[in-house]
């Protein structure tokens, strides 16, 4: 795992090439767009997606929890892709390993979940919006607020032109003066490399490093 410290809204954060954001001051691990159960949902609808895809995401999440040992896990939307299934319930088994961990979900457009599902997954708090120490957390990016915002939803990516004239597409963090957009945590998601934002710094993520691009 490779980390890089950044400043956002006058606070210190740690981004990792494993698509997580850590807030040391508050001991909160933040991520977005896990889309739990997506591979099983696709298999149910006739697509040959191996379950290994889902297991890799859970393994990466467990590694992050063991590494940072946060007091809180904050998921900024789209925890679940399309309803509860057996892959979704494996998330509960993982969270049960950390009895002192508070788990908070900012509801995303895919999180059409019942109260029973929330209880079953051992999620402590589900809200549409959260503010902590002057930082707002929401699923969809927005510039219509006075708060500095952290969000997800758009699965940001960047395309790097290679010498072979091909493009290497990488997930990235997008940092603007008042907005920080997280990459999708799940490896089984697309990337939006078309919509580049103004006044943004991009931190492209690769197995071998984090590349800052302005």
N, C-alpha and C. Protein backbone atom coordinates (compact mmCIF):
# COMPACT_ATOMS: atom_id res chain seq x y z
N UNK A 1 0.83 -1.19 0.00
CA UNK A 1 0.00 0.00 0.00
C UNK A 1 0.87 1.25 0.00
N UNK A 2 0.48 2.23 -0.78
CA UNK A 2 1.21 3.48 -0.87
C UNK A 2 0.29 4.62 -0.42
N UNK A 3 0.84 5.52 0.41
CA UNK A 3 0.06 6.62 0.96
C UNK A 3 0.66 7.96 0.54
N UNK A 4 -0.18 8.98 0.62
CA UNK A 4 0.29 10.35 0.42
C UNK A 4 -0.54 11.29 1.27
N UNK A 5 0.14 12.17 1.98
CA UNK A 5 -0.57 13.15 2.80
C UNK A 5 -0.97 14.34 1.93
N UNK A 6 -2.20 14.81 2.12
CA UNK A 6 -2.67 15.99 1.41
C UNK A 6 -3.33 16.94 2.39
N UNK A 7 -3.49 18.19 1.98
CA UNK A 7 -4.24 19.16 2.74
C UNK A 7 -5.54 19.47 2.01
N UNK A 8 -6.62 19.48 2.76
CA UNK A 8 -7.92 19.84 2.20
C UNK A 8 -8.72 20.53 3.30
N UNK A 9 -9.25 21.71 3.00
CA UNK A 9 -10.02 22.49 3.97
C UNK A 9 -9.21 22.72 5.25
N UNK A 10 -7.93 22.99 5.08
CA UNK A 10 -7.02 23.28 6.19
C UNK A 10 -6.87 22.12 7.16
N UNK A 11 -7.12 20.92 6.69
CA UNK A 11 -6.97 19.72 7.52
C UNK A 11 -6.07 18.72 6.80
N UNK A 12 -5.45 17.86 7.59
CA UNK A 12 -4.52 16.86 7.06
C UNK A 12 -5.26 15.55 6.81
N UNK A 13 -5.07 14.98 5.62
CA UNK A 13 -5.70 13.73 5.22
C UNK A 13 -4.64 12.81 4.62
N UNK A 14 -4.93 11.53 4.62
CA UNK A 14 -4.03 10.56 3.99
C UNK A 14 -4.82 9.79 2.94
N UNK A 15 -4.38 9.91 1.69
CA UNK A 15 -4.97 9.11 0.63
C UNK A 15 -4.08 7.89 0.39
N UNK A 16 -4.69 6.81 -0.07
CA UNK A 16 -3.91 5.61 -0.38
C UNK A 16 -4.25 5.13 -1.78
N UNK A 17 -3.31 4.39 -2.35
CA UNK A 17 -3.58 3.82 -3.67
C UNK A 17 -4.56 2.66 -3.60
N UNK A 18 -5.04 2.35 -2.39
CA UNK A 18 -6.12 1.37 -2.22
C UNK A 18 -7.49 2.04 -2.18
N UNK A 19 -7.53 3.32 -2.60
CA UNK A 19 -8.78 4.06 -2.81
C UNK A 19 -9.48 4.45 -1.52
N UNK A 20 -8.72 4.67 -0.46
CA UNK A 20 -9.29 5.11 0.80
C UNK A 20 -8.74 6.46 1.20
N UNK A 21 -9.50 7.13 2.05
CA UNK A 21 -9.12 8.41 2.63
C UNK A 21 -9.15 8.25 4.14
N UNK A 22 -8.06 8.63 4.80
CA UNK A 22 -8.01 8.52 6.26
C UNK A 22 -7.86 9.91 6.86
N UNK A 23 -8.64 10.17 7.91
CA UNK A 23 -8.62 11.45 8.61
C UNK A 23 -7.97 11.20 9.97
N UNK A 24 -6.67 11.41 10.09
CA UNK A 24 -5.96 11.06 11.33
C UNK A 24 -6.50 11.76 12.57
N UNK A 25 -6.86 13.02 12.44
CA UNK A 25 -7.32 13.80 13.59
C UNK A 25 -8.56 13.17 14.23
N UNK A 26 -9.45 12.63 13.40
CA UNK A 26 -10.71 12.06 13.90
C UNK A 26 -10.69 10.53 13.92
N UNK A 27 -9.62 9.93 13.40
CA UNK A 27 -9.49 8.46 13.32
C UNK A 27 -10.66 7.84 12.55
N UNK A 28 -10.93 8.42 11.38
CA UNK A 28 -12.02 7.95 10.53
C UNK A 28 -11.45 7.47 9.20
N UNK A 29 -11.84 6.26 8.80
CA UNK A 29 -11.51 5.74 7.48
C UNK A 29 -12.72 5.98 6.57
N UNK A 30 -12.47 6.61 5.43
CA UNK A 30 -13.55 7.05 4.55
C UNK A 30 -13.37 6.42 3.17
N UNK A 31 -14.45 5.91 2.63
CA UNK A 31 -14.42 5.37 1.27
C UNK A 31 -15.81 5.46 0.67
N UNK A 32 -15.89 5.16 -0.62
CA UNK A 32 -17.16 5.33 -1.32
C UNK A 32 -17.35 4.24 -2.36
N UNK A 33 -18.59 3.97 -2.68
CA UNK A 33 -18.94 3.11 -3.82
C UNK A 33 -18.32 1.71 -3.74
N UNK A 34 -18.71 0.99 -2.69
CA UNK A 34 -18.31 -0.42 -2.59
C UNK A 34 -19.13 -1.30 -3.53
N UNK A 35 -20.39 -0.94 -3.73
CA UNK A 35 -21.28 -1.72 -4.61
C UNK A 35 -21.28 -3.21 -4.24
N UNK A 36 -21.46 -3.47 -2.95
CA UNK A 36 -21.49 -4.85 -2.48
C UNK A 36 -22.59 -5.64 -3.20
N UNK A 37 -22.27 -6.87 -3.55
CA UNK A 37 -23.25 -7.75 -4.19
C UNK A 37 -23.38 -7.56 -5.68
N UNK A 38 -22.56 -6.69 -6.26
CA UNK A 38 -22.71 -6.39 -7.69
C UNK A 38 -22.37 -7.60 -8.56
N UNK A 39 -21.30 -8.32 -8.21
CA UNK A 39 -20.92 -9.46 -9.05
C UNK A 39 -21.98 -10.56 -9.01
N UNK A 40 -22.57 -10.81 -7.82
CA UNK A 40 -23.63 -11.82 -7.73
C UNK A 40 -24.87 -11.34 -8.49
N UNK A 41 -25.16 -10.08 -8.42
CA UNK A 41 -26.30 -9.51 -9.16
C UNK A 41 -26.11 -9.75 -10.66
N UNK A 42 -24.90 -9.55 -11.16
CA UNK A 42 -24.64 -9.77 -12.59
C UNK A 42 -24.73 -11.25 -12.93
N UNK A 43 -24.23 -12.12 -12.04
CA UNK A 43 -24.32 -13.56 -12.32
C UNK A 43 -25.79 -13.99 -12.40
N UNK A 44 -26.60 -13.44 -11.51
CA UNK A 44 -28.03 -13.78 -11.50
C UNK A 44 -28.69 -13.38 -12.82
N UNK A 45 -28.14 -12.37 -13.46
CA UNK A 45 -28.71 -11.88 -14.71
C UNK A 45 -27.94 -12.37 -15.95
N UNK A 46 -27.19 -13.47 -15.76
CA UNK A 46 -26.62 -14.16 -16.90
C UNK A 46 -25.21 -13.79 -17.30
N UNK A 47 -24.51 -12.99 -16.48
CA UNK A 47 -23.14 -12.60 -16.79
C UNK A 47 -22.17 -13.43 -15.94
N UNK A 48 -21.12 -13.95 -16.57
CA UNK A 48 -20.17 -14.84 -15.88
C UNK A 48 -19.12 -14.01 -15.15
N UNK A 49 -19.52 -13.43 -14.02
CA UNK A 49 -18.60 -12.62 -13.22
C UNK A 49 -18.14 -13.47 -12.03
N UNK A 50 -16.85 -13.71 -11.87
CA UNK A 50 -16.38 -14.57 -10.77
C UNK A 50 -16.56 -13.89 -9.41
N UNK A 51 -16.82 -14.71 -8.40
CA UNK A 51 -16.99 -14.18 -7.04
C UNK A 51 -15.69 -13.62 -6.49
N UNK A 52 -14.56 -13.97 -7.11
CA UNK A 52 -13.27 -13.45 -6.68
C UNK A 52 -13.24 -11.93 -6.71
N UNK A 53 -13.98 -11.32 -7.63
CA UNK A 53 -14.04 -9.86 -7.73
C UNK A 53 -14.53 -9.26 -6.43
N UNK A 54 -15.61 -9.81 -5.92
CA UNK A 54 -16.20 -9.34 -4.66
C UNK A 54 -15.25 -9.61 -3.48
N UNK A 55 -14.64 -10.78 -3.46
CA UNK A 55 -13.78 -11.14 -2.34
C UNK A 55 -12.55 -10.26 -2.27
N UNK A 56 -12.04 -9.85 -3.41
CA UNK A 56 -10.88 -8.95 -3.42
C UNK A 56 -11.21 -7.62 -2.75
N UNK A 57 -12.42 -7.12 -3.00
CA UNK A 57 -12.83 -5.85 -2.38
C UNK A 57 -12.91 -6.00 -0.86
N UNK A 58 -13.51 -7.08 -0.39
CA UNK A 58 -13.62 -7.28 1.06
C UNK A 58 -12.24 -7.48 1.69
N UNK A 59 -11.36 -8.19 1.00
CA UNK A 59 -10.01 -8.38 1.53
C UNK A 59 -9.27 -7.05 1.64
N UNK A 60 -9.44 -6.21 0.64
CA UNK A 60 -8.79 -4.89 0.68
C UNK A 60 -9.35 -4.04 1.82
N UNK A 61 -10.66 -4.11 2.03
CA UNK A 61 -11.27 -3.36 3.12
C UNK A 61 -10.74 -3.85 4.47
N UNK A 62 -10.63 -5.14 4.64
CA UNK A 62 -10.11 -5.69 5.90
C UNK A 62 -8.67 -5.24 6.11
N UNK A 63 -7.87 -5.23 5.07
CA UNK A 63 -6.48 -4.78 5.19
C UNK A 63 -6.41 -3.32 5.63
N UNK A 64 -7.31 -2.49 5.10
CA UNK A 64 -7.34 -1.08 5.48
C UNK A 64 -7.74 -0.90 6.94
N UNK A 65 -8.72 -1.67 7.38
CA UNK A 65 -9.16 -1.59 8.78
C UNK A 65 -8.06 -2.06 9.72
N UNK A 66 -7.35 -3.08 9.34
CA UNK A 66 -6.25 -3.58 10.19
C UNK A 66 -5.08 -2.59 10.21
N UNK A 67 -4.86 -1.92 9.10
CA UNK A 67 -3.73 -1.01 9.00
C UNK A 67 -3.98 0.29 9.77
N UNK A 68 -5.11 0.92 9.55
CA UNK A 68 -5.38 2.22 10.17
C UNK A 68 -5.99 2.10 11.57
N UNK A 69 -6.67 0.99 11.85
CA UNK A 69 -7.34 0.80 13.14
C UNK A 69 -8.22 2.01 13.49
N UNK A 70 -9.13 2.37 12.60
CA UNK A 70 -9.95 3.57 12.83
C UNK A 70 -11.01 3.34 13.90
N UNK A 71 -11.48 4.43 14.46
CA UNK A 71 -12.62 4.36 15.38
C UNK A 71 -13.94 4.33 14.61
N UNK A 72 -13.90 4.87 13.39
CA UNK A 72 -15.12 4.93 12.60
C UNK A 72 -14.83 4.61 11.14
N UNK A 73 -15.73 3.85 10.53
CA UNK A 73 -15.72 3.61 9.09
C UNK A 73 -16.88 4.41 8.50
N UNK A 74 -16.57 5.32 7.58
CA UNK A 74 -17.58 6.17 6.97
C UNK A 74 -17.64 5.85 5.47
N UNK A 75 -18.80 5.35 5.04
CA UNK A 75 -18.99 5.00 3.63
C UNK A 75 -19.84 6.09 3.00
N UNK A 76 -19.26 6.77 2.01
CA UNK A 76 -19.93 7.92 1.41
C UNK A 76 -20.78 7.46 0.22
N UNK A 77 -21.69 6.53 0.48
CA UNK A 77 -22.69 6.16 -0.51
C UNK A 77 -22.38 4.93 -1.34
N UNK A 78 -23.47 4.32 -1.82
CA UNK A 78 -23.45 3.13 -2.66
C UNK A 78 -22.66 1.99 -2.03
N UNK A 79 -23.02 1.71 -0.79
CA UNK A 79 -22.48 0.52 -0.12
C UNK A 79 -22.97 -0.74 -0.82
N UNK A 80 -24.27 -0.75 -1.15
CA UNK A 80 -24.91 -1.93 -1.76
C UNK A 80 -25.30 -1.60 -3.19
N UNK A 81 -25.10 -2.54 -4.09
CA UNK A 81 -25.39 -2.27 -5.50
C UNK A 81 -26.87 -2.39 -5.84
N UNK A 82 -27.48 -3.51 -5.45
CA UNK A 82 -28.87 -3.74 -5.87
C UNK A 82 -29.57 -4.71 -4.93
N UNK A 83 -29.72 -4.34 -3.69
CA UNK A 83 -30.41 -5.20 -2.73
C UNK A 83 -29.48 -6.20 -2.08
N UNK A 84 -29.97 -6.79 -0.99
CA UNK A 84 -29.15 -7.71 -0.20
C UNK A 84 -29.07 -9.08 -0.88
N UNK A 85 -27.89 -9.66 -0.89
CA UNK A 85 -27.69 -11.04 -1.31
C UNK A 85 -26.56 -11.61 -0.45
N UNK A 86 -26.13 -12.82 -0.76
CA UNK A 86 -25.15 -13.48 0.12
C UNK A 86 -23.83 -12.73 0.15
N UNK A 87 -23.44 -12.08 -0.95
CA UNK A 87 -22.21 -11.31 -0.95
C UNK A 87 -22.31 -10.11 -0.02
N UNK A 88 -23.47 -9.49 0.00
CA UNK A 88 -23.70 -8.35 0.90
C UNK A 88 -23.56 -8.78 2.35
N UNK A 89 -24.10 -9.95 2.67
CA UNK A 89 -24.06 -10.43 4.04
C UNK A 89 -22.63 -10.75 4.49
N UNK A 90 -21.72 -11.00 3.57
CA UNK A 90 -20.32 -11.22 3.93
C UNK A 90 -19.71 -9.94 4.52
N UNK A 91 -20.24 -8.80 4.16
CA UNK A 91 -19.80 -7.54 4.75
C UNK A 91 -20.07 -7.55 6.25
N UNK A 92 -21.22 -8.08 6.63
CA UNK A 92 -21.56 -8.19 8.06
C UNK A 92 -20.53 -9.03 8.80
N UNK A 93 -20.13 -10.15 8.22
CA UNK A 93 -19.14 -11.01 8.86
C UNK A 93 -17.82 -10.28 9.06
N UNK A 94 -17.47 -9.42 8.09
CA UNK A 94 -16.24 -8.65 8.21
C UNK A 94 -16.37 -7.61 9.33
N UNK A 95 -17.45 -6.87 9.36
CA UNK A 95 -17.63 -5.81 10.35
C UNK A 95 -17.69 -6.39 11.77
N UNK A 96 -18.21 -7.59 11.92
CA UNK A 96 -18.30 -8.22 13.24
C UNK A 96 -16.93 -8.48 13.85
N UNK A 97 -15.89 -8.48 13.02
CA UNK A 97 -14.54 -8.68 13.55
C UNK A 97 -14.04 -7.45 14.31
N UNK A 98 -14.75 -6.33 14.17
CA UNK A 98 -14.31 -5.07 14.77
C UNK A 98 -15.43 -4.50 15.65
N UNK A 99 -15.64 -5.08 16.82
CA UNK A 99 -16.79 -4.71 17.66
C UNK A 99 -16.76 -3.26 18.14
N UNK A 100 -15.61 -2.64 18.19
CA UNK A 100 -15.52 -1.25 18.66
C UNK A 100 -15.60 -0.23 17.52
N UNK A 101 -15.75 -0.71 16.30
CA UNK A 101 -15.79 0.16 15.14
C UNK A 101 -17.21 0.69 14.92
N UNK A 102 -17.35 2.00 14.81
CA UNK A 102 -18.64 2.60 14.45
C UNK A 102 -18.71 2.69 12.93
N UNK A 103 -19.79 2.19 12.35
CA UNK A 103 -19.95 2.19 10.90
C UNK A 103 -21.09 3.11 10.51
N UNK A 104 -20.79 4.09 9.67
CA UNK A 104 -21.78 5.07 9.23
C UNK A 104 -21.90 5.04 7.71
N UNK A 105 -23.14 5.05 7.24
CA UNK A 105 -23.41 5.07 5.80
C UNK A 105 -24.12 6.36 5.42
N UNK A 106 -23.54 7.10 4.48
CA UNK A 106 -24.23 8.19 3.81
C UNK A 106 -24.95 7.56 2.62
N UNK A 107 -26.25 7.60 2.60
CA UNK A 107 -27.01 6.86 1.58
C UNK A 107 -26.71 7.38 0.18
N UNK A 108 -26.45 6.43 -0.73
CA UNK A 108 -26.25 6.76 -2.13
C UNK A 108 -27.46 6.36 -2.95
N UNK A 109 -27.40 6.62 -4.23
CA UNK A 109 -28.55 6.32 -5.09
C UNK A 109 -28.81 4.82 -5.22
N UNK A 110 -27.80 3.99 -4.96
CA UNK A 110 -28.00 2.53 -5.01
C UNK A 110 -28.46 1.95 -3.66
N UNK A 111 -28.38 2.74 -2.61
CA UNK A 111 -28.63 2.21 -1.26
C UNK A 111 -30.12 2.22 -0.92
N UNK A 112 -30.87 1.46 -1.66
CA UNK A 112 -32.30 1.32 -1.38
C UNK A 112 -32.49 0.15 -0.42
N UNK A 113 -32.13 0.39 0.82
CA UNK A 113 -32.08 -0.69 1.80
C UNK A 113 -33.08 -0.44 2.92
N UNK A 114 -33.59 -1.54 3.44
CA UNK A 114 -34.57 -1.47 4.51
C UNK A 114 -33.88 -1.32 5.86
N UNK A 115 -34.67 -0.97 6.86
CA UNK A 115 -34.14 -0.88 8.23
C UNK A 115 -33.60 -2.22 8.69
N UNK A 116 -34.28 -3.29 8.31
CA UNK A 116 -33.82 -4.63 8.69
C UNK A 116 -32.45 -4.94 8.09
N UNK A 117 -32.25 -4.56 6.82
CA UNK A 117 -30.96 -4.79 6.19
C UNK A 117 -29.85 -4.03 6.90
N UNK A 118 -30.15 -2.79 7.27
CA UNK A 118 -29.19 -1.97 8.00
C UNK A 118 -28.79 -2.66 9.30
N UNK A 119 -29.81 -3.14 10.04
CA UNK A 119 -29.56 -3.83 11.31
C UNK A 119 -28.75 -5.10 11.09
N UNK A 120 -29.11 -5.85 10.06
CA UNK A 120 -28.42 -7.11 9.78
C UNK A 120 -26.94 -6.90 9.45
N UNK A 121 -26.63 -5.76 8.84
CA UNK A 121 -25.25 -5.51 8.43
C UNK A 121 -24.40 -4.85 9.52
N UNK A 122 -25.02 -4.61 10.66
CA UNK A 122 -24.32 -3.98 11.79
C UNK A 122 -23.83 -2.57 11.45
N UNK A 123 -24.64 -1.85 10.69
CA UNK A 123 -24.36 -0.44 10.42
C UNK A 123 -24.99 0.38 11.54
N UNK A 124 -24.21 1.23 12.15
CA UNK A 124 -24.69 1.97 13.32
C UNK A 124 -25.54 3.18 12.96
N UNK A 125 -25.27 3.79 11.82
CA UNK A 125 -25.94 5.05 11.50
C UNK A 125 -26.10 5.17 9.99
N UNK A 126 -27.30 5.51 9.53
CA UNK A 126 -27.56 5.75 8.11
C UNK A 126 -28.20 7.12 7.96
N UNK A 127 -27.56 8.00 7.19
CA UNK A 127 -28.05 9.37 7.01
C UNK A 127 -27.87 9.78 5.55
N UNK A 128 -28.53 10.86 5.16
CA UNK A 128 -28.38 11.40 3.82
C UNK A 128 -27.21 12.39 3.74
N UNK A 129 -26.88 12.99 4.87
CA UNK A 129 -25.82 14.00 4.91
C UNK A 129 -25.24 14.01 6.31
N UNK A 130 -23.95 14.27 6.41
CA UNK A 130 -23.28 14.30 7.71
C UNK A 130 -22.27 15.44 7.72
N UNK A 131 -22.19 16.13 8.85
CA UNK A 131 -21.18 17.17 9.02
C UNK A 131 -20.34 16.84 10.25
N UNK A 132 -19.02 16.87 10.07
CA UNK A 132 -18.08 16.63 11.16
C UNK A 132 -17.01 17.72 11.11
N UNK A 133 -16.89 18.47 12.17
CA UNK A 133 -15.84 19.49 12.27
C UNK A 133 -15.81 20.41 11.05
N UNK A 134 -16.99 20.81 10.58
CA UNK A 134 -17.06 21.73 9.46
C UNK A 134 -16.86 21.12 8.09
N UNK A 135 -16.76 19.80 8.02
CA UNK A 135 -16.64 19.08 6.75
C UNK A 135 -17.96 18.37 6.47
N UNK A 136 -18.53 18.57 5.30
CA UNK A 136 -19.77 17.89 4.92
C UNK A 136 -19.48 16.62 4.15
N UNK A 137 -20.27 15.60 4.40
CA UNK A 137 -20.15 14.32 3.70
C UNK A 137 -21.46 14.02 3.01
N UNK A 138 -21.42 13.79 1.71
CA UNK A 138 -22.61 13.50 0.93
C UNK A 138 -22.21 12.56 -0.20
N UNK A 139 -23.18 11.88 -0.78
CA UNK A 139 -22.81 10.92 -1.84
C UNK A 139 -22.46 11.62 -3.14
N UNK A 140 -23.33 12.53 -3.58
CA UNK A 140 -23.12 13.18 -4.86
C UNK A 140 -22.37 14.51 -4.69
N UNK A 141 -21.41 14.79 -5.55
CA UNK A 141 -20.71 16.07 -5.48
C UNK A 141 -21.67 17.25 -5.67
N UNK A 142 -21.36 18.36 -5.05
CA UNK A 142 -22.18 19.56 -5.18
C UNK A 142 -21.33 20.78 -4.86
N UNK A 143 -21.57 21.85 -5.58
CA UNK A 143 -20.88 23.11 -5.30
C UNK A 143 -21.82 24.11 -4.64
N UNK A 144 -23.04 23.68 -4.35
CA UNK A 144 -24.05 24.59 -3.80
C UNK A 144 -24.08 24.50 -2.27
N UNK A 145 -22.95 24.80 -1.67
CA UNK A 145 -22.86 24.78 -0.21
C UNK A 145 -21.66 25.60 0.22
N UNK A 146 -21.74 26.13 1.42
CA UNK A 146 -20.61 26.86 1.98
C UNK A 146 -19.61 25.93 2.66
N UNK A 147 -20.02 24.67 2.87
CA UNK A 147 -19.14 23.71 3.52
C UNK A 147 -18.15 23.10 2.52
N UNK A 148 -16.99 22.72 3.01
CA UNK A 148 -16.12 21.87 2.23
C UNK A 148 -16.74 20.47 2.22
N UNK A 149 -16.85 19.87 1.04
CA UNK A 149 -17.57 18.60 0.89
C UNK A 149 -16.65 17.46 0.49
N UNK A 150 -16.95 16.28 1.02
CA UNK A 150 -16.33 15.04 0.59
C UNK A 150 -17.44 14.13 0.06
N UNK A 151 -17.25 13.61 -1.15
CA UNK A 151 -18.30 12.83 -1.80
C UNK A 151 -17.69 11.73 -2.67
N UNK A 152 -18.55 11.02 -3.37
CA UNK A 152 -18.12 9.96 -4.28
C UNK A 152 -18.95 10.01 -5.55
N UNK A 153 -19.60 8.89 -5.87
CA UNK A 153 -20.65 8.77 -6.88
C UNK A 153 -20.15 8.72 -8.33
N UNK A 154 -19.26 9.60 -8.73
CA UNK A 154 -18.97 9.70 -10.16
C UNK A 154 -17.84 8.76 -10.62
N UNK A 155 -17.23 8.03 -9.68
CA UNK A 155 -16.15 7.09 -10.03
C UNK A 155 -15.07 7.80 -10.86
N UNK A 156 -14.45 8.85 -10.33
CA UNK A 156 -13.53 9.63 -11.15
C UNK A 156 -12.31 8.83 -11.59
N UNK A 157 -11.89 9.13 -12.82
CA UNK A 157 -10.70 8.49 -13.36
C UNK A 157 -9.96 9.46 -14.26
N UNK A 158 -8.78 9.07 -14.66
CA UNK A 158 -7.99 9.91 -15.55
C UNK A 158 -7.30 9.00 -16.56
N UNK A 159 -7.22 9.47 -17.80
CA UNK A 159 -6.60 8.70 -18.88
C UNK A 159 -5.23 9.28 -19.20
N UNK A 160 -4.20 8.47 -19.07
CA UNK A 160 -2.83 8.90 -19.35
C UNK A 160 -2.40 8.37 -20.71
N UNK A 161 -1.94 9.26 -21.57
CA UNK A 161 -1.51 8.86 -22.91
C UNK A 161 -0.13 8.21 -22.83
N UNK A 162 -0.02 7.01 -23.38
CA UNK A 162 1.23 6.27 -23.33
C UNK A 162 2.01 6.44 -24.64
N UNK A 163 3.27 6.02 -24.63
CA UNK A 163 4.12 6.14 -25.82
C UNK A 163 3.57 5.34 -26.99
N UNK A 164 2.82 4.28 -26.69
CA UNK A 164 2.26 3.43 -27.74
C UNK A 164 0.99 4.02 -28.34
N UNK A 165 0.63 5.23 -27.93
CA UNK A 165 -0.59 5.93 -28.36
C UNK A 165 -1.84 5.36 -27.71
N UNK A 166 -1.67 4.37 -26.85
CA UNK A 166 -2.79 3.88 -26.06
C UNK A 166 -2.95 4.76 -24.83
N UNK A 167 -4.04 4.53 -24.09
CA UNK A 167 -4.28 5.29 -22.87
C UNK A 167 -4.38 4.34 -21.68
N UNK A 168 -3.75 4.72 -20.60
CA UNK A 168 -3.86 3.99 -19.34
C UNK A 168 -4.89 4.71 -18.48
N UNK A 169 -5.98 4.02 -18.13
CA UNK A 169 -7.05 4.62 -17.36
C UNK A 169 -6.90 4.23 -15.89
N UNK A 170 -6.83 5.23 -15.03
CA UNK A 170 -6.60 5.00 -13.61
C UNK A 170 -7.66 5.69 -12.77
N UNK A 171 -8.07 5.08 -11.65
CA UNK A 171 -8.95 5.78 -10.71
C UNK A 171 -8.18 6.91 -10.05
N UNK A 172 -8.91 7.89 -9.52
CA UNK A 172 -8.21 9.01 -8.92
C UNK A 172 -9.05 9.70 -7.85
N UNK A 173 -8.38 10.42 -6.98
CA UNK A 173 -9.00 11.40 -6.11
C UNK A 173 -9.02 12.73 -6.86
N UNK A 174 -10.09 13.48 -6.69
CA UNK A 174 -10.18 14.82 -7.28
C UNK A 174 -10.30 15.82 -6.14
N UNK A 175 -9.35 16.75 -6.07
CA UNK A 175 -9.32 17.72 -4.97
C UNK A 175 -9.46 19.13 -5.53
N UNK A 176 -10.55 19.78 -5.17
CA UNK A 176 -10.79 21.18 -5.50
C UNK A 176 -10.74 21.99 -4.20
N UNK A 177 -10.74 23.33 -4.29
CA UNK A 177 -10.64 24.12 -3.06
C UNK A 177 -11.69 23.78 -2.01
N UNK A 178 -12.93 23.47 -2.44
CA UNK A 178 -14.00 23.19 -1.48
C UNK A 178 -14.63 21.81 -1.68
N UNK A 179 -13.99 20.96 -2.44
CA UNK A 179 -14.59 19.67 -2.73
C UNK A 179 -13.52 18.60 -2.95
N UNK A 180 -13.76 17.43 -2.34
CA UNK A 180 -12.88 16.28 -2.52
C UNK A 180 -13.76 15.10 -2.94
N UNK A 181 -13.47 14.57 -4.12
CA UNK A 181 -14.27 13.46 -4.65
C UNK A 181 -13.44 12.18 -4.59
N UNK A 182 -14.02 11.15 -3.99
CA UNK A 182 -13.32 9.88 -3.79
C UNK A 182 -13.46 8.98 -5.01
N UNK A 183 -12.44 8.16 -5.28
CA UNK A 183 -12.60 7.11 -6.29
C UNK A 183 -13.53 6.02 -5.77
N UNK A 184 -14.11 5.27 -6.67
CA UNK A 184 -14.89 4.11 -6.25
C UNK A 184 -13.96 3.09 -5.59
N UNK A 185 -14.35 2.60 -4.42
CA UNK A 185 -13.50 1.62 -3.74
C UNK A 185 -13.51 0.28 -4.47
N UNK A 186 -14.65 -0.13 -4.97
CA UNK A 186 -14.74 -1.42 -5.64
C UNK A 186 -13.93 -1.43 -6.92
N UNK A 187 -13.27 -2.56 -7.17
CA UNK A 187 -12.52 -2.74 -8.41
C UNK A 187 -13.45 -3.04 -9.58
N UNK A 188 -14.70 -3.39 -9.28
CA UNK A 188 -15.67 -3.76 -10.32
C UNK A 188 -16.59 -2.57 -10.62
N UNK A 189 -15.98 -1.48 -11.05
CA UNK A 189 -16.74 -0.28 -11.41
C UNK A 189 -16.08 0.38 -12.62
N UNK A 190 -16.85 1.17 -13.33
CA UNK A 190 -16.30 1.92 -14.44
C UNK A 190 -15.60 3.17 -13.95
N UNK A 191 -14.97 3.90 -14.88
CA UNK A 191 -14.28 5.13 -14.57
C UNK A 191 -14.80 6.25 -15.47
N UNK A 192 -15.06 7.40 -14.87
CA UNK A 192 -15.42 8.58 -15.64
C UNK A 192 -14.14 9.37 -15.92
N UNK A 193 -13.62 9.25 -17.14
CA UNK A 193 -12.41 9.97 -17.52
C UNK A 193 -12.72 11.15 -18.45
N UNK A 194 -14.01 11.39 -18.69
CA UNK A 194 -14.39 12.41 -19.65
C UNK A 194 -14.61 13.79 -19.02
N UNK A 195 -15.19 13.80 -17.82
CA UNK A 195 -15.59 15.06 -17.21
C UNK A 195 -14.49 15.58 -16.27
N UNK A 196 -13.63 16.41 -16.80
CA UNK A 196 -12.56 17.00 -16.02
C UNK A 196 -13.04 18.32 -15.39
N UNK A 197 -12.76 18.51 -14.12
CA UNK A 197 -13.28 19.64 -13.37
C UNK A 197 -12.27 20.78 -13.31
N UNK A 198 -12.80 22.01 -13.17
CA UNK A 198 -11.94 23.19 -13.08
C UNK A 198 -11.27 23.28 -11.71
N UNK A 199 -10.10 23.90 -11.67
CA UNK A 199 -9.40 24.17 -10.42
C UNK A 199 -9.23 22.89 -9.59
N UNK A 200 -8.87 21.81 -10.27
CA UNK A 200 -8.78 20.51 -9.59
C UNK A 200 -7.37 19.95 -9.67
N UNK A 201 -6.98 19.27 -8.62
CA UNK A 201 -5.78 18.45 -8.59
C UNK A 201 -6.21 17.00 -8.62
N UNK A 202 -5.60 16.22 -9.49
CA UNK A 202 -5.95 14.81 -9.62
C UNK A 202 -4.81 13.96 -9.05
N UNK A 203 -5.18 13.02 -8.20
CA UNK A 203 -4.22 12.06 -7.66
C UNK A 203 -4.56 10.69 -8.24
N UNK A 204 -3.86 10.34 -9.31
CA UNK A 204 -4.10 9.07 -9.99
C UNK A 204 -3.48 7.93 -9.20
N UNK A 205 -4.20 6.81 -9.14
CA UNK A 205 -3.80 5.69 -8.28
C UNK A 205 -3.35 4.50 -9.11
N UNK A 206 -2.19 3.97 -8.75
CA UNK A 206 -1.63 2.81 -9.43
C UNK A 206 -1.00 1.91 -8.38
N UNK A 207 -0.83 0.65 -8.69
CA UNK A 207 -0.21 -0.27 -7.75
C UNK A 207 1.18 0.19 -7.33
N UNK A 208 1.85 0.91 -8.20
CA UNK A 208 3.23 1.32 -7.92
C UNK A 208 3.35 2.74 -7.40
N UNK A 209 2.24 3.46 -7.26
CA UNK A 209 2.38 4.82 -6.74
C UNK A 209 1.13 5.65 -6.89
N UNK A 210 1.24 6.89 -6.42
CA UNK A 210 0.19 7.90 -6.53
C UNK A 210 0.79 9.05 -7.32
N UNK A 211 0.12 9.46 -8.39
CA UNK A 211 0.67 10.45 -9.30
C UNK A 211 -0.19 11.71 -9.28
N UNK A 212 0.43 12.81 -8.87
CA UNK A 212 -0.28 14.08 -8.75
C UNK A 212 -0.26 14.79 -10.10
N UNK A 213 -1.46 15.24 -10.53
CA UNK A 213 -1.58 15.90 -11.82
C UNK A 213 -2.46 17.14 -11.64
N UNK A 214 -2.00 18.28 -12.16
CA UNK A 214 -2.74 19.53 -12.02
C UNK A 214 -3.14 20.05 -13.40
